[in-house]
Amino acid sequence: MSLTKKSDQQDVQKVDRVELTPASRVVECENAYTLTVELPGVSEKEIELTLENRVLSITAENTLEVFKDYTLVLHELPEARYRAAFDLPDHVDTAGIKAATKNGLLVLTLPKREEVKPRRIAVKAG
C-alpha cells in the first residue's frame, strides 16, 4: 500500500526552509510588559535572544526530526527561520528581562523601571 497525498496540481514536494516574522502580542500591566511570540516547533535551545541599543532581537529555527528507520512519504511541515525585532521603550528595565517557552510560545516579561511605576503618595495631616 502506498500512502500519498494528491493535490489538484502536481505531487507535493519538500518545502525548503522559509524565513518568517512570527506573530506576536504585547500586553502592558502596572509593573511590566508581557511580550508573547508564536514559535511553533521550536525548542528553547533553538531560540537566540539578543539586546543591543534597546532593540530586542529574536531569532529561532524549528528543526524537524529525522528518523533512521523510516522513509519520508509526505512532508508538508516547513522548516522555518523566525526573525523579529522590538524597540524597547526607555522605561523598560533591560537587566530584569525574563524569557520562558511553553506550548510553542515564547513569553518574555519586560519589567518597568521603578521610577516609572505608579505609586501611592501618602498625605499627612498638617
Protein backbone atom coordinates (compact mmCIF):
# COMPACT_ATOMS: atom_id res chain seq x y z
CA MET A 1 0.00 0.00 0.00
CA SER A 2 1.29 3.45 -0.83
CA LEU A 3 0.30 6.48 1.20
CA THR A 4 0.38 9.64 -0.88
CA LYS A 5 -1.48 12.90 -0.83
CA LYS A 6 -2.90 14.13 -4.09
CA SER A 7 -3.49 17.75 -4.92
CA ASP A 8 -5.10 19.49 -7.86
CA GLN A 9 -1.65 20.36 -9.13
CA GLN A 10 1.42 18.15 -9.06
CA ASP A 11 2.77 15.84 -6.41
CA VAL A 12 3.64 17.51 -3.12
CA GLN A 13 7.36 18.15 -2.74
CA LYS A 14 9.58 19.04 0.22
CA VAL A 15 9.40 22.69 1.20
CA ASP A 16 12.76 24.40 1.82
CA ARG A 17 13.41 26.46 4.95
CA VAL A 18 11.40 29.67 4.87
CA GLU A 19 12.02 32.90 6.76
CA LEU A 20 9.05 34.20 8.71
CA THR A 21 8.16 37.04 11.07
CA PRO A 22 6.37 35.34 13.95
CA ALA A 23 3.01 36.52 15.23
CA SER A 24 3.34 38.44 18.49
CA ARG A 25 1.32 40.18 21.18
CA VAL A 26 2.28 42.82 23.77
CA VAL A 27 0.28 43.37 26.94
CA GLU A 28 1.01 46.19 29.39
CA CYS A 29 0.27 45.96 33.08
CA GLU A 30 1.27 48.13 36.03
CA ASN A 31 4.72 46.60 36.59
CA ALA A 32 5.75 45.13 33.25
CA TYR A 33 5.04 44.38 29.62
CA THR A 34 4.45 40.80 28.52
CA LEU A 35 5.61 40.00 25.00
CA THR A 36 4.31 36.71 23.60
CA VAL A 37 5.79 35.39 20.35
CA GLU A 38 4.48 32.36 18.45
CA LEU A 39 7.31 29.92 17.60
CA PRO A 40 5.71 26.57 16.67
CA GLY A 41 8.01 23.58 16.72
CA VAL A 42 10.93 25.50 18.27
CA SER A 43 12.70 24.28 21.42
CA GLU A 44 14.37 26.63 23.90
CA LYS A 45 17.80 25.54 22.59
CA GLU A 46 16.92 26.87 19.13
CA ILE A 47 15.99 30.39 20.30
CA GLU A 48 18.51 33.24 20.33
CA LEU A 49 17.64 36.47 22.14
CA THR A 50 19.93 39.50 21.87
CA LEU A 51 19.65 43.01 23.22
CA GLU A 52 21.62 45.81 21.61
CA ASN A 53 20.90 49.56 21.76
CA ARG A 54 17.47 48.86 23.31
CA VAL A 55 16.50 46.59 20.40
CA LEU A 56 15.41 43.10 21.45
CA SER A 57 16.06 40.65 18.59
CA ILE A 58 14.61 37.15 18.38
CA THR A 59 15.97 34.51 16.02
CA ALA A 60 14.76 30.92 16.10
CA GLU A 61 14.60 27.83 13.89
CA ASN A 62 12.44 24.78 14.04
CA THR A 63 14.18 21.55 13.17
CA LEU A 64 12.16 18.56 12.11
CA GLU A 65 13.22 15.19 13.44
CA VAL A 66 14.75 12.70 11.05
CA PHE A 67 14.26 9.03 11.83
CA LYS A 68 16.76 6.48 10.57
CA ASP A 69 14.30 3.60 10.45
CA TYR A 70 11.59 5.38 8.45
CA THR A 71 11.10 6.55 4.91
CA LEU A 72 9.60 10.01 4.49
CA VAL A 73 6.48 9.69 2.33
CA LEU A 74 4.86 13.08 2.92
CA HIS A 75 6.48 16.34 4.01
CA GLU A 76 4.35 19.47 4.36
CA LEU A 77 5.73 20.92 7.58
CA PRO A 78 8.11 23.69 6.55
CA GLU A 79 11.40 24.16 8.29
CA ALA A 80 11.24 27.80 9.30
CA ARG A 81 13.60 30.51 10.46
CA TYR A 82 11.83 33.10 12.59
CA ARG A 83 13.14 36.65 12.99
CA ALA A 84 11.68 39.63 14.84
CA ALA A 85 13.00 42.79 16.47
CA PHE A 86 11.35 45.07 19.02
CA ASP A 87 12.37 48.60 20.02
CA LEU A 88 12.14 48.79 23.81
CA PRO A 89 11.00 51.99 25.48
CA ASP A 90 13.41 53.74 27.86
CA HIS A 91 11.35 52.80 30.91
CA VAL A 92 11.93 49.02 30.46
CA ASP A 93 14.47 47.61 32.92
CA THR A 94 16.53 45.59 30.42
CA ALA A 95 18.54 43.89 33.19
CA GLY A 96 15.36 42.25 34.51
CA ILE A 97 14.03 40.72 31.28
CA LYS A 98 12.94 37.09 31.70
CA ALA A 99 12.06 34.56 28.99
CA ALA A 100 10.28 31.20 29.04
CA THR A 101 8.78 28.84 26.46
CA LYS A 102 5.57 26.85 26.69
CA ASN A 103 3.49 25.10 24.03
CA GLY A 104 5.16 26.81 21.07
CA LEU A 105 5.06 30.27 22.64
CA LEU A 106 7.99 32.38 23.79
CA VAL A 107 6.85 34.58 26.70
CA LEU A 108 9.07 37.50 27.72
CA THR A 109 8.49 39.62 30.79
CA LEU A 110 9.84 43.14 30.34
CA PRO A 111 9.75 44.84 33.76
CA LYS A 112 9.31 48.59 34.07
CA ARG A 113 11.94 50.60 35.93
CA GLU A 114 10.91 51.53 39.47
CA GLU A 115 10.79 55.27 38.80
CA VAL A 116 8.06 54.89 36.16
CA LYS A 117 5.79 52.52 38.08
CA PRO A 118 2.69 54.11 39.55
CA ARG A 119 2.97 54.71 43.27
CA ARG A 120 0.76 55.99 46.01
CA ILE A 121 1.72 59.20 47.81
CA ALA A 122 0.70 59.46 51.44
CA VAL A 123 -0.99 62.63 52.64
CA LYS A 124 -0.23 63.69 56.24
CA ALA A 125 -2.32 65.99 58.37
CA GLY A 126 -0.63 69.26 58.92
